[in-house]
PDB file of all heavy atoms in Angstrom:
ATOM      1  N   GLY A   1     133.768 104.502  72.559  1.00  0.00           N
ATOM      2  CA  GLY A   1     133.223 104.097  71.273  1.00  0.00           C
ATOM      3  C   GLY A   1     133.876 104.867  70.141  1.00  0.00           C
ATOM      4  O   GLY A   1     134.861 105.579  70.338  1.00  0.00           O
ATOM      5  N   ASN A   2     133.325 104.720  68.927  1.00  0.00           N
ATOM      6  CA  ASN A   2     133.830 105.384  67.730  1.00  0.00           C
ATOM      7  C   ASN A   2     135.244 104.887  67.432  1.00  0.00           C
ATOM      8  O   ASN A   2     135.502 103.688  67.513  1.00  0.00           O
ATOM      9  CB  ASN A   2     133.760 106.907  67.885  1.00  0.00           C
ATOM     10  CG  ASN A   2     133.955 107.652  66.575  1.00  0.00           C
ATOM     11  OD1 ASN A   2     135.035 108.144  66.314  1.00  0.00           O
ATOM     12  ND2 ASN A   2     132.909 107.711  65.757  1.00  0.00           N
ATOM     13  N   ILE A   3     136.176 105.745  67.084  1.00  0.00           N
ATOM     14  CA  ILE A   3     137.534 105.337  66.716  1.00  0.00           C
ATOM     15  C   ILE A   3     138.546 106.156  67.506  1.00  0.00           C
ATOM     16  O   ILE A   3     138.238 107.215  68.043  1.00  0.00           O
ATOM     17  CB  ILE A   3     137.789 105.520  65.203  1.00  0.00           C
ATOM     18  CG1 ILE A   3     137.632 106.998  64.800  1.00  0.00           C
ATOM     19  CG2 ILE A   3     136.863 104.622  64.405  1.00  0.00           C
ATOM     20  CD1 ILE A   3     138.010 107.276  63.360  1.00  0.00           C
ATOM     21  N   TRP A   4     139.772 105.631  67.548  1.00  0.00           N
ATOM     22  CA  TRP A   4     140.870 106.337  68.225  1.00  0.00           C
ATOM     23  C   TRP A   4     141.063 107.714  67.570  1.00  0.00           C
ATOM     24  O   TRP A   4     141.101 107.836  66.357  1.00  0.00           O
ATOM     25  CB  TRP A   4     142.142 105.514  68.113  1.00  0.00           C
ATOM     26  CG  TRP A   4     143.295 106.068  68.893  1.00  0.00           C
ATOM     27  CD1 TRP A   4     144.120 107.075  68.512  1.00  0.00           C
ATOM     28  CD2 TRP A   4     143.756 105.642  70.171  1.00  0.00           C
ATOM     29  NE1 TRP A   4     145.069 107.309  69.470  1.00  0.00           N
ATOM     30  CE2 TRP A   4     144.874 106.444  70.508  1.00  0.00           C
ATOM     31  CE3 TRP A   4     143.339 104.661  71.066  1.00  0.00           C
ATOM     32  CZ2 TRP A   4     145.572 106.280  71.704  1.00  0.00           C
ATOM     33  CZ3 TRP A   4     144.046 104.501  72.247  1.00  0.00           C
ATOM     34  CH2 TRP A   4     145.139 105.307  72.543  1.00  0.00           C
ATOM     35  N   ALA A   5     141.170 108.732  68.420  1.00  0.00           N
ATOM     36  CA  ALA A   5     141.379 110.109  67.952  1.00  0.00           C
ATOM     37  C   ALA A   5     140.267 110.550  66.994  1.00  0.00           C
ATOM     38  O   ALA A   5     140.503 111.325  66.075  1.00  0.00           O
ATOM     39  CB  ALA A   5     142.746 110.254  67.289  1.00  0.00           C
ATOM     40  N   GLY A   6     139.037 110.062  67.262  1.00  0.00           N
ATOM     41  CA  GLY A   6     137.937 110.363  66.373  1.00  0.00           C
ATOM     42  C   GLY A   6     137.232 111.673  66.639  1.00  0.00           C
ATOM     43  O   GLY A   6     136.285 112.011  65.932  1.00  0.00           O
ATOM     44  N   GLY A   7     137.670 112.418  67.655  1.00  0.00           N
ATOM     45  CA  GLY A   7     137.047 113.692  67.941  1.00  0.00           C
ATOM     46  C   GLY A   7     135.791 113.547  68.784  1.00  0.00           C
ATOM     47  O   GLY A   7     135.433 112.458  69.232  1.00  0.00           O
ATOM     48  N   PRO A   8     135.089 114.683  69.007  1.00  0.00           N
ATOM     49  CA  PRO A   8     133.884 114.672  69.853  1.00  0.00           C
ATOM     50  C   PRO A   8     132.811 113.745  69.268  1.00  0.00           C
ATOM     51  O   PRO A   8     132.757 113.556  68.045  1.00  0.00           O
ATOM     52  CB  PRO A   8     133.429 116.133  69.830  1.00  0.00           C
ATOM     53  CG  PRO A   8     134.646 116.910  69.444  1.00  0.00           C
ATOM     54  CD  PRO A   8     135.411 116.022  68.517  1.00  0.00           C
ATOM     55  N   PRO A   9     131.923 113.196  70.136  1.00  0.00           N
ATOM     56  CA  PRO A   9     131.890 113.414  71.589  1.00  0.00           C
ATOM     57  C   PRO A   9     132.752 112.431  72.376  1.00  0.00           C
ATOM     58  O   PRO A   9     132.947 112.600  73.571  1.00  0.00           O
ATOM     59  CB  PRO A   9     130.417 113.208  71.922  1.00  0.00           C
ATOM     60  CG  PRO A   9     129.985 112.157  70.947  1.00  0.00           C
ATOM     61  CD  PRO A   9     130.731 112.460  69.669  1.00  0.00           C
ATOM     62  N   PHE A  10     133.277 111.382  71.700  1.00  0.00           N
ATOM     63  CA  PHE A  10     134.045 110.373  72.439  1.00  0.00           C
ATOM     64  C   PHE A  10     135.458 110.846  72.765  1.00  0.00           C
ATOM     65  O   PHE A  10     135.995 110.501  73.823  1.00  0.00           O
ATOM     66  CB  PHE A  10     134.097 109.068  71.645  1.00  0.00           C
ATOM     67  CG  PHE A  10     132.802 108.300  71.656  1.00  0.00           C
ATOM     68  CD1 PHE A  10     131.913 108.393  70.598  1.00  0.00           C
ATOM     69  CD2 PHE A  10     132.475 107.491  72.726  1.00  0.00           C
ATOM     70  CE1 PHE A  10     130.726 107.675  70.599  1.00  0.00           C
ATOM     71  CE2 PHE A  10     131.286 106.771  72.747  1.00  0.00           C
ATOM     72  CZ  PHE A  10     130.408 106.870  71.674  1.00  0.00           C
ATOM     73  N   ASN A  11     136.069 111.587  71.846  1.00  0.00           N
ATOM     74  CA  ASN A  11     137.432 112.090  72.091  1.00  0.00           C
ATOM     75  C   ASN A  11     138.372 110.989  72.563  1.00  0.00           C
ATOM     76  O   ASN A  11     139.107 111.152  73.544  1.00  0.00           O
ATOM     77  CB  ASN A  11     137.405 113.238  73.115  1.00  0.00           C
ATOM     78  CG  ASN A  11     136.732 114.474  72.578  1.00  0.00           C
ATOM     79  OD1 ASN A  11     137.019 114.929  71.467  1.00  0.00           O
ATOM     80  ND2 ASN A  11     135.817 115.033  73.360  1.00  0.00           N
ATOM     81  N   GLU A  12     138.329 109.851  71.875  1.00  0.00           N
ATOM     82  CA  GLU A  12     139.162 108.726  72.309  1.00  0.00           C
ATOM     83  C   GLU A  12     140.653 109.045  72.221  1.00  0.00           C
ATOM     84  O   GLU A  12     141.079 109.767  71.317  1.00  0.00           O
ATOM     85  CB  GLU A  12     138.831 107.494  71.453  1.00  0.00           C
ATOM     86  CG  GLU A  12     137.432 106.962  71.661  1.00  0.00           C
ATOM     87  CD  GLU A  12     137.128 106.501  73.079  1.00  0.00           C
ATOM     88  OE1 GLU A  12     138.009 106.574  73.964  1.00  0.00           O
ATOM     89  OE2 GLU A  12     135.997 106.086  73.310  1.00  0.00           O
ATOM     90  N   PRO A  13     141.395 108.567  73.249  1.00  0.00           N
ATOM     91  CA  PRO A  13     141.039 107.501  74.183  1.00  0.00           C
ATOM     92  C   PRO A  13     140.363 107.944  75.476  1.00  0.00           C
ATOM     93  O   PRO A  13     140.267 107.154  76.419  1.00  0.00           O
ATOM     94  CB  PRO A  13     142.395 106.872  74.505  1.00  0.00           C
ATOM     95  CG  PRO A  13     143.347 108.033  74.457  1.00  0.00           C
ATOM     96  CD  PRO A  13     142.841 108.906  73.323  1.00  0.00           C
ATOM     97  N   THR A  14     139.865 109.189  75.549  1.00  0.00           N
ATOM     98  CA  THR A  14     139.253 109.658  76.797  1.00  0.00           C
ATOM     99  C   THR A  14     137.879 109.056  77.019  1.00  0.00           C
ATOM    100  O   THR A  14     137.542 108.632  78.128  1.00  0.00           O
ATOM    101  CB  THR A  14     139.154 111.191  76.791  1.00  0.00           C
ATOM    102  OG1 THR A  14     140.457 111.744  76.658  1.00  0.00           O
ATOM    103  CG2 THR A  14     138.520 111.694  78.075  1.00  0.00           C
ATOM    104  N   GLY A  15     137.033 109.017  75.984  1.00  0.00           N
ATOM    105  CA  GLY A  15     135.677 108.538  76.136  1.00  0.00           C
ATOM    106  C   GLY A  15     134.765 109.585  76.752  1.00  0.00           C
ATOM    107  O   GLY A  15     135.167 110.715  77.053  1.00  0.00           O
ATOM    108  N   ILE A  16     133.508 109.217  76.930  1.00  0.00           N
ATOM    109  CA  ILE A  16     132.516 110.094  77.570  1.00  0.00           C
ATOM    110  C   ILE A  16     132.497 109.727  79.044  1.00  0.00           C
ATOM    111  O   ILE A  16     132.036 108.645  79.428  1.00  0.00           O
ATOM    112  CB  ILE A  16     131.130 109.929  76.938  1.00  0.00           C
ATOM    113  CG1 ILE A  16     131.187 110.246  75.447  1.00  0.00           C
ATOM    114  CG2 ILE A  16     130.118 110.842  77.627  1.00  0.00           C
ATOM    115  CD1 ILE A  16     129.888 109.961  74.711  1.00  0.00           C
ATOM    116  N   SER A  17     133.007 110.613  79.886  1.00  0.00           N
ATOM    117  CA  SER A  17     133.296 110.276  81.282  1.00  0.00           C
ATOM    118  C   SER A  17     132.429 111.045  82.260  1.00  0.00           C
ATOM    119  O   SER A  17     132.023 112.183  82.016  1.00  0.00           O
ATOM    120  CB  SER A  17     134.771 110.564  81.592  1.00  0.00           C
ATOM    121  OG  SER A  17     135.050 110.369  82.961  1.00  0.00           O
ATOM    122  N   SER A  18     132.199 110.416  83.408  1.00  0.00           N
ATOM    123  CA  SER A  18     131.479 111.047  84.512  1.00  0.00           C
ATOM    124  C   SER A  18     132.306 112.090  85.220  1.00  0.00           C
ATOM    125  O   SER A  18     131.763 112.918  85.968  1.00  0.00           O
ATOM    126  CB  SER A  18     131.071 109.986  85.539  1.00  0.00           C
ATOM    127  OG  SER A  18     132.227 109.423  86.155  1.00  0.00           O
ATOM    128  N   GLY A  19     133.627 112.058  85.030  1.00  0.00           N
ATOM    129  CA  GLY A  19     134.489 112.806  85.913  1.00  0.00           C
ATOM    130  C   GLY A  19     134.592 112.089  87.255  1.00  0.00           C
ATOM    131  O   GLY A  19     134.044 110.999  87.451  1.00  0.00           O
ATOM    132  N   GLU A  20     135.315 112.678  88.164  1.00  0.00           N
ATOM    133  CA  GLU A  20     135.600 112.034  89.448  1.00  0.00           C
ATOM    134  C   GLU A  20     134.476 112.263  90.457  1.00  0.00           C
ATOM    135  O   GLU A  20     134.003 113.385  90.638  1.00  0.00           O
ATOM    136  CB  GLU A  20     136.915 112.573  90.014  1.00  0.00           C
ATOM    137  CG  GLU A  20     137.384 111.867  91.273  1.00  0.00           C
ATOM    138  CD  GLU A  20     138.769 112.321  91.729  1.00  0.00           C
ATOM    139  OE1 GLU A  20     139.223 113.392  91.251  1.00  0.00           O
ATOM    140  OE2 GLU A  20     139.390 111.620  92.541  1.00  0.00           O
ATOM    141  N   HIS A  21     134.048 111.186  91.121  1.00  0.00           N
ATOM    142  CA  HIS A  21     133.026 111.263  92.165  1.00  0.00           C
ATOM    143  C   HIS A  21     133.577 110.621  93.436  1.00  0.00           C
ATOM    144  O   HIS A  21     134.137 109.521  93.402  1.00  0.00           O
ATOM    145  CB  HIS A  21     131.749 110.543  91.741  1.00  0.00           C
ATOM    146  CG  HIS A  21     130.943 111.308  90.738  1.00  0.00           C
ATOM    147  ND1 HIS A  21     129.819 112.025  91.069  1.00  0.00           N
ATOM    148  CD2 HIS A  21     131.130 111.495  89.414  1.00  0.00           C
ATOM    149  CE1 HIS A  21     129.327 112.610  89.985  1.00  0.00           C
ATOM    150  NE2 HIS A  21     130.109 112.302  88.966  1.00  0.00           N
ATOM    151  N   ALA A  22     133.407 111.295  94.554  1.00  0.00           N
ATOM    152  CA  ALA A  22     133.922 110.801  95.828  1.00  0.00           C
ATOM    153  C   ALA A  22     133.192 109.534  96.255  1.00  0.00           C
ATOM    154  O   ALA A  22     131.979 109.397  96.057  1.00  0.00           O
ATOM    155  CB  ALA A  22     133.781 111.867  96.902  1.00  0.00           C
ATOM    156  N   VAL A  23     133.952 108.604  96.874  1.00  0.00           N
ATOM    157  CA  VAL A  23     133.398 107.380  97.454  1.00  0.00           C
ATOM    158  C   VAL A  23     133.882 107.315  98.901  1.00  0.00           C
ATOM    159  O   VAL A  23     135.049 106.996  99.148  1.00  0.00           O
ATOM    160  CB  VAL A  23     133.848 106.122  96.682  1.00  0.00           C
ATOM    161  CG1 VAL A  23     133.239 104.871  97.313  1.00  0.00           C
ATOM    162  CG2 VAL A  23     133.471 106.223  95.216  1.00  0.00           C
ATOM    163  N   PRO A  24     133.037 107.636  99.882  1.00  0.00           N
ATOM    164  CA  PRO A  24     133.477 107.617 101.275  1.00  0.00           C
ATOM    165  C   PRO A  24     133.980 106.234 101.680  1.00  0.00           C
ATOM    166  O   PRO A  24     133.356 105.222 101.378  1.00  0.00           O
ATOM    167  CB  PRO A  24     132.208 107.998 102.048  1.00  0.00           C
ATOM    168  CG  PRO A  24     131.346 108.716 101.057  1.00  0.00           C
ATOM    169  CD  PRO A  24     131.641 108.058  99.736  1.00  0.00           C
ATOM    170  N   ASN A  25     135.139 106.191 102.336  1.00  0.00           N
ATOM    171  CA  ASN A  25     135.701 104.946 102.851  1.00  0.00           C
ATOM    172  C   ASN A  25     135.819 103.884 101.754  1.00  0.00           C
ATOM    173  O   ASN A  25     135.570 102.700 101.978  1.00  0.00           O
ATOM    174  CB  ASN A  25     134.849 104.406 104.008  1.00  0.00           C
ATOM    175  CG  ASN A  25     134.671 105.420 105.113  1.00  0.00           C
ATOM    176  OD1 ASN A  25     135.646 106.007 105.592  1.00  0.00           O
ATOM    177  ND2 ASN A  25     133.433 105.652 105.528  1.00  0.00           N
ATOM    178  N   ALA A  26     136.240 104.326 100.576  1.00  0.00           N
ATOM    179  CA  ALA A  26     136.302 103.419  99.420  1.00  0.00           C
ATOM    180  C   ALA A  26     137.190 102.220  99.668  1.00  0.00           C
ATOM    181  O   ALA A  26     136.916 101.128  99.163  1.00  0.00           O
ATOM    182  CB  ALA A  26     136.798 104.184  98.193  1.00  0.00           C
ATOM    183  N   GLY A  27     138.281 102.392 100.427  1.00  0.00           N
ATOM    184  CA  GLY A  27     139.227 101.316 100.638  1.00  0.00           C
ATOM    185  C   GLY A  27     139.014 100.519 101.903  1.00  0.00           C
ATOM    186  O   GLY A  27     139.766  99.575 102.168  1.00  0.00           O
ATOM    187  N   THR A  28     137.993 100.869 102.689  1.00  0.00           N
ATOM    188  CA  THR A  28     137.762 100.163 103.954  1.00  0.00           C
ATOM    189  C   THR A  28     136.346  99.614 104.072  1.00  0.00           C
ATOM    190  O   THR A  28     136.012  98.989 105.079  1.00  0.00           O
ATOM    191  CB  THR A  28     138.037 101.083 105.157  1.00  0.00           C
ATOM    192  OG1 THR A  28     137.229 102.272 105.049  1.00  0.00           O
ATOM    193  CG2 THR A  28     139.510 101.469 105.215  1.00  0.00           C
ATOM    194  N   SER A  29     135.495  99.854 103.089  1.00  0.00           N
ATOM    195  CA  SER A  29     134.136  99.322 103.115  1.00  0.00           C
ATOM    196  C   SER A  29     133.682  98.990 101.696  1.00  0.00           C
ATOM    197  O   SER A  29     134.237  99.499 100.721  1.00  0.00           O
ATOM    198  CB  SER A  29     133.170 100.319 103.759  1.00  0.00           C
ATOM    199  OG  SER A  29     133.130 101.533 103.031  1.00  0.00           O
ATOM    200  N   PHE A  30     132.684  98.142 101.619  1.00  0.00           N
ATOM    201  CA  PHE A  30     132.152  97.727 100.329  1.00  0.00           C
ATOM    202  C   PHE A  30     131.103  98.729  99.836  1.00  0.00           C
ATOM    203  O   PHE A  30     130.322  99.265 100.626  1.00  0.00           O
ATOM    204  CB  PHE A  30     131.529  96.336 100.415  1.00  0.00           C
ATOM    205  CG  PHE A  30     132.535  95.230 100.479  1.00  0.00           C
ATOM    206  CD1 PHE A  30     133.113  94.867 101.694  1.00  0.00           C
ATOM    207  CD2 PHE A  30     132.923  94.554  99.338  1.00  0.00           C
ATOM    208  CE1 PHE A  30     134.045  93.839 101.759  1.00  0.00           C
ATOM    209  CE2 PHE A  30     133.858  93.530  99.388  1.00  0.00           C
ATOM    210  CZ  PHE A  30     134.424  93.175 100.600  1.00  0.00           C
ATOM    211  N   HIS A  31     131.112  98.962  98.524  1.00  0.00           N
ATOM    212  CA  HIS A  31     130.120  99.820  97.872  1.00  0.00           C
ATOM    213  C   HIS A  31     129.621  99.107  96.624  1.00  0.00           C
ATOM    214  O   HIS A  31     130.355  98.341  95.997  1.00  0.00           O
ATOM    215  CB  HIS A  31     130.729 101.166  97.487  1.00  0.00           C
ATOM    216  CG  HIS A  31     131.160 101.986  98.659  1.00  0.00           C
ATOM    217  ND1 HIS A  31     130.347 102.908  99.271  1.00  0.00           N
ATOM    218  CD2 HIS A  31     132.326 101.997  99.357  1.00  0.00           C
ATOM    219  CE1 HIS A  31     130.987 103.468 100.285  1.00  0.00           C
ATOM    220  NE2 HIS A  31     132.193 102.920 100.351  1.00  0.00           N
ATOM    221  N   THR A  32     128.371  99.362  96.264  1.00  0.00           N
ATOM    222  CA  THR A  32     127.839  98.784  95.040  1.00  0.00           C
ATOM    223  C   THR A  32     128.058  99.755  93.885  1.00  0.00           C
ATOM    224  O   THR A  32     127.756 100.943  93.982  1.00  0.00           O
ATOM    225  CB  THR A  32     126.343  98.461  95.162  1.00  0.00           C
ATOM    226  OG1 THR A  32     125.612  99.628  95.543  1.00  0.00           O
ATOM    227  CG2 THR A  32     126.113  97.365  96.182  1.00  0.00           C
ATOM    228  N   TYR A  33     128.621  99.223  92.809  1.00  0.00           N
ATOM    229  CA  TYR A  33     128.849  99.965  91.568  1.00  0.00           C
ATOM    230  C   TYR A  33     128.033  99.264  90.484  1.00  0.00           C
ATOM    231  O   TYR A  33     128.161  98.049  90.290  1.00  0.00           O
ATOM    232  CB  TYR A  33     130.330  99.959  91.200  1.00  0.00           C
ATOM    233  CG  TYR A  33     131.234 100.561  92.260  1.00  0.00           C
ATOM    234  CD1 TYR A  33     131.778  99.768  93.269  1.00  0.00           C
ATOM    235  CD2 TYR A  33     131.555 101.919  92.247  1.00  0.00           C
ATOM    236  CE1 TYR A  33     132.614 100.322  94.236  1.00  0.00           C
ATOM    237  CE2 TYR A  33     132.385 102.477  93.204  1.00  0.00           C
ATOM    238  CZ  TYR A  33     132.914 101.672  94.198  1.00  0.00           C
ATOM    239  OH  TYR A  33     133.741 102.211  95.152  1.00  0.00           O
ATOM    240  N   ALA A  34     127.198 100.015  89.786  1.00  0.00           N
ATOM    241  CA  ALA A  34     126.301  99.389  88.818  1.00  0.00           C
ATOM    242  C   ALA A  34     126.087 100.292  87.621  1.00  0.00           C
ATOM    243  O   ALA A  34     126.281 101.513  87.683  1.00  0.00           O
ATOM    244  CB  ALA A  34     124.958  99.075  89.476  1.00  0.00           C
ATOM    245  N   VAL A  35     125.663  99.660  86.514  1.00  0.00           N
ATOM    246  CA  VAL A  35     125.266 100.403  85.322  1.00  0.00           C
ATOM    247  C   VAL A  35     124.030  99.728  84.754  1.00  0.00           C
ATOM    248  O   VAL A  35     123.885  98.500  84.826  1.00  0.00           O
ATOM    249  CB  VAL A  35     126.398 100.447  84.266  1.00  0.00           C
ATOM    250  CG1 VAL A  35     126.684  99.063  83.694  1.00  0.00           C
ATOM    251  CG2 VAL A  35     126.081 101.433  83.155  1.00  0.00           C
ATOM    252  N   GLU A  36     123.120 100.528  84.216  1.00  0.00           N
ATOM    253  CA  GLU A  36     121.968 100.016  83.496  1.00  0.00           C
ATOM    254  C   GLU A  36     122.011 100.522  82.062  1.00  0.00           C
ATOM    255  O   GLU A  36     122.114 101.739  81.829  1.00  0.00           O
ATOM    256  CB  GLU A  36     120.666 100.447  84.156  1.00  0.00           C
ATOM    257  CG  GLU A  36     120.396  99.744  85.470  1.00  0.00           C
ATOM    258  CD  GLU A  36     119.080 100.116  86.108  1.00  0.00           C
ATOM    259  OE1 GLU A  36     118.376 101.012  85.574  1.00  0.00           O
ATOM    260  OE2 GLU A  36     118.755  99.523  87.155  1.00  0.00           O
ATOM    261  N   LEU A  37     121.949  99.601  81.111  1.00  0.00           N
ATOM    262  CA  LEU A  37     121.808  99.936  79.699  1.00  0.00           C
ATOM    263  C   LEU A  37     120.326  99.775  79.367  1.00  0.00           C
ATOM    264  O   LEU A  37     119.799  98.656  79.343  1.00  0.00           O
ATOM    265  CB  LEU A  37     122.668  99.014  78.838  1.00  0.00           C
ATOM    266  CG  LEU A  37     122.521  99.152  77.324  1.00  0.00           C
ATOM    267  CD1 LEU A  37     122.760 100.583  76.857  1.00  0.00           C
ATOM    268  CD2 LEU A  37     123.462  98.186  76.608  1.00  0.00           C
ATOM    269  N   ASP A  38     119.657 100.903  79.160  1.00  0.00           N
ATOM    270  CA  ASP A  38     118.202 100.929  79.024  1.00  0.00           C
ATOM    271  C   ASP A  38     117.817 101.178  77.566  1.00  0.00           C
ATOM    272  O   ASP A  38     118.041 102.270  77.025  1.00  0.00           O
ATOM    273  CB  ASP A  38     117.632 102.028  79.923  1.00  0.00           C
ATOM    274  CG  ASP A  38     116.110 101.995  79.996  1.00  0.00           C
ATOM    275  OD1 ASP A  38     115.483 101.308  79.174  1.00  0.00           O
ATOM    276  OD2 ASP A  38     115.554 102.677  80.878  1.00  0.00           O
ATOM    277  N   ARG A  39     117.227 100.161  76.946  1.00  0.00           N
ATOM    278  CA  ARG A  39     116.764 100.261  75.570  1.00  0.00           C
ATOM    279  C   ARG A  39     115.239 100.276  75.498  1.00  0.00           C
ATOM    280  O   ARG A  39     114.651  99.983  74.458  1.00  0.00           O
ATOM    281  CB  ARG A  39     117.318  99.103  74.744  1.00  0.00           C
ATOM    282  CG  ARG A  39     118.849  99.043  74.677  1.00  0.00           C
ATOM    283  CD  ARG A  39     119.310  97.944  73.733  1.00  0.00           C
ATOM    284  NE  ARG A  39     118.791  98.150  72.374  1.00  0.00           N
ATOM    285  CZ  ARG A  39     118.890  97.233  71.392  1.00  0.00           C
ATOM    286  NH1 ARG A  39     119.470  96.068  71.631  1.00  0.00           N
ATOM    287  NH2 ARG A  39     118.385  97.488  70.207  1.00  0.00           N
ATOM    288  N   SER A  40     114.595 100.638  76.610  1.00  0.00           N
ATOM    289  CA  SER A  40     113.132 100.576  76.663  1.00  0.00           C
ATOM    290  C   SER A  40     112.461 101.879  76.246  1.00  0.00           C
ATOM    291  O   SER A  40     111.235 101.934  76.172  1.00  0.00           O
ATOM    292  CB  SER A  40     112.676 100.211  78.085  1.00  0.00           C
ATOM    293  OG  SER A  40     112.983 101.262  78.996  1.00  0.00           O
ATOM    294  N   THR A  41     113.231 102.936  75.988  1.00  0.00           N
ATOM    295  CA  THR A  41     112.671 104.224  75.598  1.00  0.00           C
ATOM    296  C   THR A  41     113.283 104.667  74.274  1.00  0.00           C
ATOM    297  O   THR A  41     114.319 104.145  73.847  1.00  0.00           O
ATOM    298  CB  THR A  41     112.935 105.293  76.673  1.00  0.00           C
ATOM    299  OG1 THR A  41     114.352 105.415  76.867  1.00  0.00           O
ATOM    300  CG2 THR A  41     112.278 104.906  77.999  1.00  0.00           C
ATOM    301  N   SER A  42     112.654 105.650  73.643  1.00  0.00           N
ATOM    302  CA  SER A  42     113.134 106.093  72.329  1.00  0.00           C
ATOM    303  C   SER A  42     114.525 106.684  72.418  1.00  0.00           C
ATOM    304  O   SER A  42     115.331 106.530  71.492  1.00  0.00           O
ATOM    305  CB  SER A  42     112.162 107.115  71.735  1.00  0.00           C
ATOM    306  OG  SER A  42     111.998 108.226  72.597  1.00  0.00           O
TER     307      SER A  42
END
C-alpha cells in the first residue's frame, strides 16, 4: 500500500511481510493458503 519508496511501515516495494514460513512437502502435496480481511472490529 501507500506509495513507491514511501517509507515505513510499507517500505515499498517491500510491503508489510510475514517473512518466510516453512511449508512441509510444498511441492508434492496440496496445502490451503487463505487470508481473511476482517472489518467486524474497531
